[in-house]
């Protein structure tokens, strides 16, 4: 009888230890991803309600990009000035479009998380979102064309390698 009680006690202690171990080794719950640009708020984040997408953070991003391009492409000073002008010419428009895109995505999320899903409104919102994202893509593509035109043929070849799309269709070296 003592062995049976000892076995029950050992199993109980073992189960409790396993539960404690699970509790303390469980990963923390996922936190929502902060809104903002791909580079986060940065030092010039702008208004507290919209981190990472203020014109000053875009300017900071442009300067970092120019620094990288200068190192990798060997840009001349006149090319740096021209590329800076191209990059800053549409900051306000890009900022406005990105805010519009964010609002459209938030609206889409709200429409899909309601108790009843109105498919007509969801499709209309999806159309609006595609239109905004298309305008962003056109603006960015126009800037890439202007930038490529400033570069010498050898620099342009290396620039296109820098801009190469990976297998998921994103620029750069990996997933965001």
N, C-alpha and C. Protein backbone atom coordinates (compact mmCIF):
# COMPACT_ATOMS: atom_id res chain seq x y z
N UNK A 1 0.82 -1.19 0.00
CA UNK A 1 0.00 0.00 0.00
C UNK A 1 0.86 1.25 0.00
N UNK A 2 2.00 1.19 0.79
CA UNK A 2 2.87 2.34 0.83
C UNK A 2 3.46 2.62 -0.55
N UNK A 3 3.78 1.55 -1.28
CA UNK A 3 4.35 1.74 -2.60
C UNK A 3 3.36 2.42 -3.54
N UNK A 4 2.09 2.07 -3.43
CA UNK A 4 1.06 2.68 -4.27
C UNK A 4 0.96 4.18 -3.96
N UNK A 5 0.97 4.56 -2.67
CA UNK A 5 0.92 5.97 -2.30
C UNK A 5 2.19 6.69 -2.76
N UNK A 6 3.31 6.05 -2.63
CA UNK A 6 4.56 6.64 -3.07
C UNK A 6 4.55 6.85 -4.59
N UNK A 7 4.04 5.89 -5.35
CA UNK A 7 3.94 6.01 -6.79
C UNK A 7 3.00 7.15 -7.17
N UNK A 8 1.84 7.26 -6.50
CA UNK A 8 0.89 8.35 -6.77
C UNK A 8 1.53 9.70 -6.46
N UNK A 9 2.27 9.78 -5.34
CA UNK A 9 2.94 11.02 -4.98
C UNK A 9 4.01 11.38 -6.01
N UNK A 10 4.78 10.41 -6.48
CA UNK A 10 5.83 10.65 -7.47
C UNK A 10 5.23 11.13 -8.79
N UNK A 11 4.14 10.51 -9.22
CA UNK A 11 3.47 10.93 -10.46
C UNK A 11 2.94 12.35 -10.31
N UNK A 12 2.34 12.66 -9.18
CA UNK A 12 1.81 14.00 -8.92
C UNK A 12 2.92 15.05 -8.96
N UNK A 13 4.01 14.78 -8.28
CA UNK A 13 5.15 15.72 -8.27
C UNK A 13 5.69 15.88 -9.68
N UNK A 14 5.80 14.79 -10.41
CA UNK A 14 6.30 14.85 -11.79
C UNK A 14 5.40 15.68 -12.69
N UNK A 15 4.09 15.50 -12.56
CA UNK A 15 3.16 16.28 -13.38
C UNK A 15 3.23 17.76 -13.02
N UNK A 16 3.29 18.05 -11.72
CA UNK A 16 3.39 19.45 -11.30
C UNK A 16 4.69 20.08 -11.80
N UNK A 17 5.78 19.33 -11.73
CA UNK A 17 7.06 19.85 -12.22
C UNK A 17 6.98 20.12 -13.73
N UNK A 18 6.34 19.23 -14.47
CA UNK A 18 6.19 19.41 -15.91
C UNK A 18 5.35 20.64 -16.22
N UNK A 19 4.28 20.87 -15.47
CA UNK A 19 3.44 22.04 -15.67
C UNK A 19 4.22 23.33 -15.38
N UNK A 20 4.99 23.33 -14.30
CA UNK A 20 5.80 24.50 -13.97
C UNK A 20 6.84 24.76 -15.07
N UNK A 21 7.48 23.71 -15.54
CA UNK A 21 8.47 23.85 -16.59
C UNK A 21 7.84 24.45 -17.84
N UNK A 22 6.66 23.96 -18.22
CA UNK A 22 5.96 24.47 -19.39
C UNK A 22 5.59 25.93 -19.21
N UNK A 23 5.14 26.28 -18.01
CA UNK A 23 4.72 27.66 -17.74
C UNK A 23 5.90 28.63 -17.89
N UNK A 24 7.05 28.26 -17.38
CA UNK A 24 8.18 29.17 -17.38
C UNK A 24 8.99 29.15 -18.68
N UNK A 25 8.82 28.15 -19.49
CA UNK A 25 9.56 28.10 -20.75
C UNK A 25 8.70 28.46 -21.94
N UNK A 26 7.44 28.72 -21.74
CA UNK A 26 6.55 29.11 -22.82
C UNK A 26 6.99 30.46 -23.37
N UNK A 27 7.03 30.63 -24.70
CA UNK A 27 7.42 31.93 -25.26
C UNK A 27 6.39 32.99 -24.88
N UNK A 28 6.88 34.20 -24.78
CA UNK A 28 6.00 35.32 -24.45
C UNK A 28 4.96 35.48 -25.55
N UNK A 29 3.77 35.96 -25.21
CA UNK A 29 2.76 36.16 -26.24
C UNK A 29 3.26 37.16 -27.27
N UNK A 30 2.86 36.97 -28.52
CA UNK A 30 3.32 37.87 -29.57
C UNK A 30 2.74 39.25 -29.36
N UNK A 31 3.59 40.24 -29.51
CA UNK A 31 3.16 41.63 -29.42
C UNK A 31 2.83 42.11 -30.83
N UNK A 32 1.86 43.03 -30.94
CA UNK A 32 1.57 43.54 -32.28
C UNK A 32 2.78 44.27 -32.84
N UNK A 33 2.99 44.13 -34.14
CA UNK A 33 4.12 44.78 -34.79
C UNK A 33 3.89 46.29 -34.79
N UNK A 34 4.89 47.07 -34.38
CA UNK A 34 4.69 48.52 -34.37
C UNK A 34 4.52 49.04 -35.78
N UNK A 35 3.69 50.03 -35.90
CA UNK A 35 3.49 50.63 -37.20
C UNK A 35 4.65 51.54 -37.50
N UNK A 36 4.87 51.75 -38.76
CA UNK A 36 5.95 52.62 -39.16
C UNK A 36 6.61 52.09 -40.41
N UNK A 37 7.68 52.72 -40.81
CA UNK A 37 8.40 52.32 -42.00
C UNK A 37 9.14 51.01 -41.78
N UNK A 38 9.73 50.55 -42.84
CA UNK A 38 10.47 49.30 -42.77
C UNK A 38 11.66 49.40 -41.85
N UNK A 39 12.12 50.62 -41.59
CA UNK A 39 13.30 50.82 -40.77
C UNK A 39 12.93 51.22 -39.35
N UNK A 40 11.65 51.17 -38.98
CA UNK A 40 11.24 51.57 -37.64
C UNK A 40 11.22 53.08 -37.51
N UNK A 41 10.93 53.56 -36.31
CA UNK A 41 10.76 54.98 -36.13
C UNK A 41 12.01 55.81 -36.39
N UNK A 42 13.18 55.31 -36.03
CA UNK A 42 14.41 56.07 -36.24
C UNK A 42 14.48 57.28 -35.33
N UNK A 43 15.56 58.02 -35.41
CA UNK A 43 15.74 59.15 -34.51
C UNK A 43 14.85 60.33 -34.84
N UNK A 44 14.37 60.43 -36.08
CA UNK A 44 13.53 61.56 -36.48
C UNK A 44 12.12 61.09 -36.75
N UNK A 45 11.53 60.42 -35.82
CA UNK A 45 10.27 59.72 -36.05
C UNK A 45 9.09 60.63 -36.31
N UNK A 46 9.14 61.88 -35.93
CA UNK A 46 8.01 62.75 -36.19
C UNK A 46 6.94 62.60 -35.12
N UNK A 47 5.68 62.85 -35.49
CA UNK A 47 4.60 62.85 -34.50
C UNK A 47 4.47 61.50 -33.81
N UNK A 48 4.14 61.51 -32.49
CA UNK A 48 4.08 60.25 -31.76
C UNK A 48 3.05 59.27 -32.29
N UNK A 49 1.99 59.74 -32.92
CA UNK A 49 0.94 58.84 -33.38
C UNK A 49 1.31 58.06 -34.63
N UNK A 50 2.29 58.49 -35.37
CA UNK A 50 2.64 57.85 -36.63
C UNK A 50 4.15 57.64 -36.71
N UNK A 51 4.69 56.69 -35.95
CA UNK A 51 6.13 56.52 -35.97
C UNK A 51 6.63 56.01 -37.32
N UNK A 52 7.78 56.55 -37.74
CA UNK A 52 8.48 56.00 -38.88
C UNK A 52 8.06 56.51 -40.24
N UNK A 53 6.96 57.22 -40.37
CA UNK A 53 6.54 57.66 -41.69
C UNK A 53 6.47 59.17 -41.82
N UNK A 54 7.21 59.90 -41.03
CA UNK A 54 7.21 61.34 -41.18
C UNK A 54 8.21 61.71 -42.26
N UNK A 55 8.04 62.88 -42.90
CA UNK A 55 9.01 63.28 -43.91
C UNK A 55 10.44 63.30 -43.39
N UNK A 56 10.65 63.65 -42.12
CA UNK A 56 12.02 63.67 -41.61
C UNK A 56 12.61 62.26 -41.53
N UNK A 57 11.80 61.25 -41.23
CA UNK A 57 12.34 59.89 -41.21
C UNK A 57 12.61 59.41 -42.64
N UNK A 58 11.82 59.86 -43.63
CA UNK A 58 12.12 59.54 -45.02
C UNK A 58 13.44 60.18 -45.42
N UNK A 59 13.66 61.43 -44.98
CA UNK A 59 14.92 62.09 -45.30
C UNK A 59 16.09 61.33 -44.68
N UNK A 60 15.92 60.86 -43.46
CA UNK A 60 16.96 60.06 -42.80
C UNK A 60 17.22 58.78 -43.60
N UNK A 61 16.17 58.15 -44.05
CA UNK A 61 16.30 56.93 -44.85
C UNK A 61 17.03 57.22 -46.16
N UNK A 62 16.71 58.34 -46.79
CA UNK A 62 17.36 58.72 -48.05
C UNK A 62 18.86 58.93 -47.82
N UNK A 63 19.21 59.61 -46.72
CA UNK A 63 20.62 59.85 -46.43
C UNK A 63 21.38 58.54 -46.19
N UNK A 64 20.76 57.61 -45.45
CA UNK A 64 21.40 56.31 -45.23
C UNK A 64 21.58 55.58 -46.55
N UNK A 65 20.59 55.65 -47.40
CA UNK A 65 20.65 54.98 -48.71
C UNK A 65 21.74 55.60 -49.58
N UNK A 66 21.82 56.94 -49.58
CA UNK A 66 22.86 57.61 -50.35
C UNK A 66 24.25 57.25 -49.84
N UNK A 67 24.39 57.14 -48.54
CA UNK A 67 25.68 56.75 -47.95
C UNK A 67 26.07 55.35 -48.44
N UNK A 68 25.12 54.44 -48.41
CA UNK A 68 25.38 53.06 -48.87
C UNK A 68 25.71 53.05 -50.35
N UNK A 69 24.93 53.78 -51.16
CA UNK A 69 25.16 53.82 -52.60
C UNK A 69 26.52 54.45 -52.92
N UNK A 70 26.89 55.49 -52.18
CA UNK A 70 28.19 56.12 -52.40
C UNK A 70 29.31 55.12 -52.16
N UNK A 71 29.19 54.34 -51.10
CA UNK A 71 30.22 53.34 -50.79
C UNK A 71 30.26 52.23 -51.82
N UNK A 72 29.11 51.75 -52.26
CA UNK A 72 29.07 50.60 -53.17
C UNK A 72 29.25 50.97 -54.63
N UNK A 73 28.82 52.18 -55.02
CA UNK A 73 28.87 52.56 -56.43
C UNK A 73 29.96 53.58 -56.74
N UNK A 74 30.55 54.15 -55.70
CA UNK A 74 31.57 55.18 -55.92
C UNK A 74 30.99 56.43 -56.56
N UNK A 75 29.90 56.93 -56.00
CA UNK A 75 29.23 58.09 -56.57
C UNK A 75 30.10 59.35 -56.48
N UNK A 76 29.98 60.19 -57.51
CA UNK A 76 30.59 61.52 -57.48
C UNK A 76 29.67 62.47 -56.72
N UNK A 77 30.19 63.61 -56.34
CA UNK A 77 29.40 64.58 -55.56
C UNK A 77 28.19 65.07 -56.36
N UNK A 78 28.35 65.31 -57.67
CA UNK A 78 27.21 65.77 -58.47
C UNK A 78 26.13 64.70 -58.55
N UNK A 79 26.53 63.43 -58.57
CA UNK A 79 25.54 62.34 -58.58
C UNK A 79 24.81 62.27 -57.24
N UNK A 80 25.54 62.45 -56.14
CA UNK A 80 24.90 62.44 -54.82
C UNK A 80 23.87 63.55 -54.73
N UNK A 81 24.23 64.75 -55.21
CA UNK A 81 23.28 65.87 -55.18
C UNK A 81 22.04 65.55 -56.02
N UNK A 82 22.25 65.01 -57.22
CA UNK A 82 21.12 64.68 -58.10
C UNK A 82 20.24 63.59 -57.48
N UNK A 83 20.85 62.56 -56.91
CA UNK A 83 20.08 61.48 -56.29
C UNK A 83 19.33 61.97 -55.06
N UNK A 84 19.93 62.88 -54.29
CA UNK A 84 19.25 63.45 -53.13
C UNK A 84 18.02 64.24 -53.58
N UNK A 85 18.17 65.01 -54.65
CA UNK A 85 17.03 65.79 -55.17
C UNK A 85 15.92 64.86 -55.65
N UNK A 86 16.28 63.78 -56.32
CA UNK A 86 15.27 62.82 -56.77
C UNK A 86 14.57 62.20 -55.57
N UNK A 87 15.33 61.80 -54.57
CA UNK A 87 14.76 61.15 -53.39
C UNK A 87 13.85 62.04 -52.58
N UNK A 88 14.21 63.33 -52.48
CA UNK A 88 13.42 64.23 -51.63
C UNK A 88 12.29 64.92 -52.38
N UNK A 89 12.27 64.81 -53.71
CA UNK A 89 11.26 65.52 -54.51
C UNK A 89 9.83 65.09 -54.17
N UNK A 90 9.65 63.84 -53.81
CA UNK A 90 8.29 63.32 -53.62
C UNK A 90 8.04 62.80 -52.20
N UNK A 91 8.81 63.29 -51.23
CA UNK A 91 8.65 62.81 -49.85
C UNK A 91 7.23 63.04 -49.35
N UNK A 92 6.72 64.24 -49.55
CA UNK A 92 5.38 64.55 -49.03
C UNK A 92 4.32 63.69 -49.71
N UNK A 93 4.45 63.49 -51.02
CA UNK A 93 3.47 62.67 -51.76
C UNK A 93 3.54 61.21 -51.30
N UNK A 94 4.76 60.69 -51.14
CA UNK A 94 4.92 59.31 -50.69
C UNK A 94 4.39 59.14 -49.27
N UNK A 95 4.66 60.11 -48.42
CA UNK A 95 4.15 60.06 -47.04
C UNK A 95 2.62 60.03 -47.04
N UNK A 96 2.01 60.88 -47.86
CA UNK A 96 0.55 60.93 -47.95
C UNK A 96 -0.01 59.61 -48.46
N UNK A 97 0.61 59.04 -49.49
CA UNK A 97 0.14 57.77 -50.04
C UNK A 97 0.29 56.63 -49.04
N UNK A 98 1.39 56.61 -48.30
CA UNK A 98 1.58 55.54 -47.32
C UNK A 98 0.56 55.66 -46.18
N UNK A 99 0.24 56.87 -45.78
CA UNK A 99 -0.80 57.05 -44.76
C UNK A 99 -2.16 56.59 -45.30
N UNK A 100 -2.43 56.92 -46.56
CA UNK A 100 -3.68 56.50 -47.19
C UNK A 100 -3.75 54.97 -47.27
N UNK A 101 -2.63 54.35 -47.61
CA UNK A 101 -2.58 52.89 -47.68
C UNK A 101 -2.81 52.27 -46.30
N UNK A 102 -2.19 52.85 -45.29
CA UNK A 102 -2.38 52.33 -43.92
C UNK A 102 -3.83 52.45 -43.50
N UNK A 103 -4.46 53.57 -43.82
CA UNK A 103 -5.87 53.76 -43.46
C UNK A 103 -6.75 52.75 -44.20
N UNK A 104 -6.43 52.49 -45.46
CA UNK A 104 -7.21 51.52 -46.24
C UNK A 104 -7.04 50.11 -45.66
N UNK A 105 -5.83 49.77 -45.24
CA UNK A 105 -5.59 48.45 -44.63
C UNK A 105 -6.32 48.33 -43.29
N UNK A 106 -6.30 49.40 -42.50
CA UNK A 106 -7.02 49.37 -41.23
C UNK A 106 -8.52 49.21 -41.46
N UNK A 107 -9.04 49.90 -42.46
CA UNK A 107 -10.46 49.78 -42.79
C UNK A 107 -10.80 48.36 -43.24
N UNK A 108 -9.91 47.78 -44.04
CA UNK A 108 -10.11 46.39 -44.50
C UNK A 108 -10.13 45.45 -43.30
N UNK A 109 -9.21 45.63 -42.38
CA UNK A 109 -9.16 44.78 -41.19
C UNK A 109 -10.45 44.93 -40.39
N UNK A 110 -10.94 46.16 -40.25
CA UNK A 110 -12.19 46.39 -39.52
C UNK A 110 -13.37 45.71 -40.21
N UNK A 111 -13.41 45.81 -41.53
CA UNK A 111 -14.51 45.18 -42.27
C UNK A 111 -14.49 43.66 -42.11
N UNK A 112 -13.30 43.07 -42.09
CA UNK A 112 -13.18 41.62 -42.00
C UNK A 112 -13.31 41.09 -40.58
N UNK A 113 -13.16 41.96 -39.59
CA UNK A 113 -13.24 41.47 -38.21
C UNK A 113 -14.62 41.70 -37.59
N UNK A 114 -15.55 42.25 -38.34
CA UNK A 114 -16.88 42.47 -37.81
C UNK A 114 -17.67 41.18 -37.67
N UNK A 115 -18.80 41.27 -36.98
CA UNK A 115 -19.65 40.10 -36.77
C UNK A 115 -20.23 39.60 -38.10
N UNK A 116 -20.56 40.56 -38.97
CA UNK A 116 -21.10 40.21 -40.28
C UNK A 116 -20.17 40.82 -41.33
N UNK A 117 -19.79 40.02 -42.31
CA UNK A 117 -18.88 40.50 -43.35
C UNK A 117 -19.70 40.90 -44.56
N UNK A 118 -19.61 42.17 -44.93
CA UNK A 118 -20.28 42.70 -46.11
C UNK A 118 -19.32 42.56 -47.29
N UNK A 119 -19.54 41.53 -48.11
CA UNK A 119 -18.59 41.23 -49.18
C UNK A 119 -18.49 42.36 -50.20
N UNK A 120 -19.55 43.09 -50.42
CA UNK A 120 -19.51 44.20 -51.38
C UNK A 120 -18.57 45.29 -50.86
N UNK A 121 -18.69 45.64 -49.59
CA UNK A 121 -17.81 46.67 -49.00
C UNK A 121 -16.37 46.18 -48.94
N UNK A 122 -16.16 44.90 -48.65
CA UNK A 122 -14.79 44.36 -48.59
C UNK A 122 -14.15 44.44 -49.97
N UNK A 123 -14.89 44.06 -51.01
CA UNK A 123 -14.33 44.12 -52.37
C UNK A 123 -14.03 45.56 -52.78
N UNK A 124 -14.92 46.49 -52.43
CA UNK A 124 -14.70 47.90 -52.74
C UNK A 124 -13.46 48.43 -52.01
N UNK A 125 -13.30 48.04 -50.76
CA UNK A 125 -12.13 48.46 -49.99
C UNK A 125 -10.86 47.84 -50.56
N UNK A 126 -10.93 46.60 -51.00
CA UNK A 126 -9.78 45.95 -51.62
C UNK A 126 -9.38 46.68 -52.91
N UNK A 127 -10.37 47.12 -53.67
CA UNK A 127 -10.10 47.89 -54.89
C UNK A 127 -9.40 49.20 -54.56
N UNK A 128 -9.89 49.91 -53.52
CA UNK A 128 -9.26 51.17 -53.10
C UNK A 128 -7.81 50.93 -52.66
N UNK A 129 -7.61 49.87 -51.91
CA UNK A 129 -6.27 49.54 -51.42
C UNK A 129 -5.32 49.25 -52.59
N UNK A 130 -5.78 48.49 -53.59
CA UNK A 130 -4.95 48.21 -54.77
C UNK A 130 -4.60 49.49 -55.51
N UNK A 131 -5.57 50.40 -55.62
CA UNK A 131 -5.31 51.67 -56.32
C UNK A 131 -4.23 52.48 -55.61
N UNK A 132 -4.32 52.57 -54.28
CA UNK A 132 -3.33 53.33 -53.52
C UNK A 132 -1.96 52.66 -53.65
N UNK A 133 -1.92 51.34 -53.48
CA UNK A 133 -0.64 50.63 -53.58
C UNK A 133 -0.05 50.75 -54.98
N UNK A 134 -0.90 50.79 -56.02
CA UNK A 134 -0.42 50.98 -57.38
C UNK A 134 0.20 52.36 -57.54
N UNK A 135 -0.44 53.39 -56.97
CA UNK A 135 0.12 54.75 -57.05
C UNK A 135 1.47 54.82 -56.35
N UNK A 136 1.60 54.12 -55.21
CA UNK A 136 2.89 54.08 -54.51
C UNK A 136 3.93 53.40 -55.40
N UNK A 137 3.56 52.28 -55.99
CA UNK A 137 4.49 51.56 -56.86
C UNK A 137 4.93 52.38 -58.06
N UNK A 138 4.01 53.12 -58.65
CA UNK A 138 4.34 53.97 -59.81
C UNK A 138 5.31 55.07 -59.39
N UNK A 139 5.07 55.69 -58.24
CA UNK A 139 5.95 56.75 -57.75
C UNK A 139 7.35 56.21 -57.48
N UNK A 140 7.44 55.06 -56.84
CA UNK A 140 8.74 54.46 -56.54
C UNK A 140 9.45 54.04 -57.82
N UNK A 141 8.72 53.46 -58.76
CA UNK A 141 9.32 53.06 -60.04
C UNK A 141 9.84 54.26 -60.80
N UNK A 142 9.07 55.35 -60.83
CA UNK A 142 9.54 56.57 -61.50
C UNK A 142 10.84 57.07 -60.87
N UNK A 143 10.91 57.02 -59.54
CA UNK A 143 12.14 57.46 -58.88
C UNK A 143 13.31 56.54 -59.21
N UNK A 144 13.08 55.22 -59.27
CA UNK A 144 14.15 54.29 -59.63
C UNK A 144 14.66 54.56 -61.05
N UNK A 145 13.77 54.87 -61.97
CA UNK A 145 14.17 55.18 -63.34
C UNK A 145 15.00 56.45 -63.36
N UNK A 146 14.56 57.48 -62.63
CA UNK A 146 15.32 58.73 -62.57
C UNK A 146 16.70 58.50 -61.95
N UNK A 147 16.75 57.69 -60.90
CA UNK A 147 18.04 57.40 -60.25
C UNK A 147 18.97 56.68 -61.21
N UNK A 148 18.47 55.69 -61.92
CA UNK A 148 19.30 54.93 -62.85
C UNK A 148 19.85 55.83 -63.95
N UNK A 149 19.08 56.83 -64.36
CA UNK A 149 19.52 57.74 -65.42
C UNK A 149 20.69 58.61 -64.97
N UNK A 150 20.85 58.84 -63.67
CA UNK A 150 21.94 59.66 -63.15
C UNK A 150 23.26 58.90 -63.14
N UNK A 151 23.18 57.59 -63.11
CA UNK A 151 24.38 56.75 -62.96
C UNK A 151 25.08 56.48 -64.28
N UNK A 152 26.38 56.24 -64.19
CA UNK A 152 27.16 55.80 -65.35
C UNK A 152 26.78 54.35 -65.65
N UNK A 153 27.05 53.85 -66.88
CA UNK A 153 26.66 52.47 -67.22
C UNK A 153 27.19 51.43 -66.24
N UNK A 154 28.45 51.53 -65.81
CA UNK A 154 29.00 50.56 -64.87
C UNK A 154 28.31 50.64 -63.51
N UNK A 155 28.05 51.86 -63.07
CA UNK A 155 27.35 52.06 -61.80
C UNK A 155 25.92 51.53 -61.90
N UNK A 156 25.30 51.76 -63.05
CA UNK A 156 23.92 51.32 -63.24
C UNK A 156 23.81 49.80 -63.15
N UNK A 157 24.78 49.10 -63.70
CA UNK A 157 24.79 47.64 -63.64
C UNK A 157 24.85 47.17 -62.18
N UNK A 158 25.74 47.78 -61.41
CA UNK A 158 25.85 47.41 -59.99
C UNK A 158 24.60 47.84 -59.22
N UNK A 159 24.04 48.99 -59.56
CA UNK A 159 22.81 49.49 -58.94
C UNK A 159 21.68 48.48 -59.14
N UNK A 160 21.57 47.96 -60.37
CA UNK A 160 20.51 46.98 -60.64
C UNK A 160 20.72 45.70 -59.85
N UNK A 161 21.98 45.33 -59.61
CA UNK A 161 22.26 44.18 -58.75
C UNK A 161 21.81 44.47 -57.32
N UNK A 162 22.05 45.71 -56.86
CA UNK A 162 21.63 46.09 -55.51
C UNK A 162 20.11 46.02 -55.39
N UNK A 163 19.40 46.34 -56.47
CA UNK A 163 17.94 46.39 -56.47
C UNK A 163 17.32 45.05 -56.85
N UNK A 164 18.14 44.04 -57.09
CA UNK A 164 17.64 42.74 -57.55
C UNK A 164 16.57 42.21 -56.61
N UNK A 165 15.55 41.63 -57.17
CA UNK A 165 14.47 41.07 -56.39
C UNK A 165 14.83 39.64 -56.02
N UNK A 166 14.54 39.28 -54.76
CA UNK A 166 14.78 37.89 -54.38
C UNK A 166 13.58 37.06 -54.77
N UNK A 167 13.58 35.80 -54.42
CA UNK A 167 12.55 34.88 -54.91
C UNK A 167 11.15 35.20 -54.41
N UNK A 168 11.01 36.00 -53.36
CA UNK A 168 9.68 36.37 -52.87
C UNK A 168 9.22 37.69 -53.46
N UNK A 169 10.00 38.26 -54.38
CA UNK A 169 9.57 39.48 -55.04
C UNK A 169 9.88 40.73 -54.25
N UNK A 170 10.70 40.64 -53.22
CA UNK A 170 11.05 41.83 -52.44
C UNK A 170 12.48 42.21 -52.74
N UNK A 171 12.74 43.52 -52.73
CA UNK A 171 14.11 43.96 -52.92
C UNK A 171 14.90 43.67 -51.67
N UNK A 172 16.20 43.57 -51.83
CA UNK A 172 17.06 43.44 -50.67
C UNK A 172 17.55 42.03 -50.46
N UNK A 173 17.99 41.79 -49.24
CA UNK A 173 18.67 40.54 -48.95
C UNK A 173 17.85 39.54 -48.19
N UNK A 174 16.62 39.81 -47.85
CA UNK A 174 15.84 38.84 -47.11
C UNK A 174 14.45 39.35 -46.81
N UNK A 175 13.69 38.58 -46.05
CA UNK A 175 12.31 38.97 -45.76
C UNK A 175 12.27 40.15 -44.83
N UNK A 176 11.15 40.86 -44.87
CA UNK A 176 10.98 42.00 -43.97
C UNK A 176 10.50 41.54 -42.64
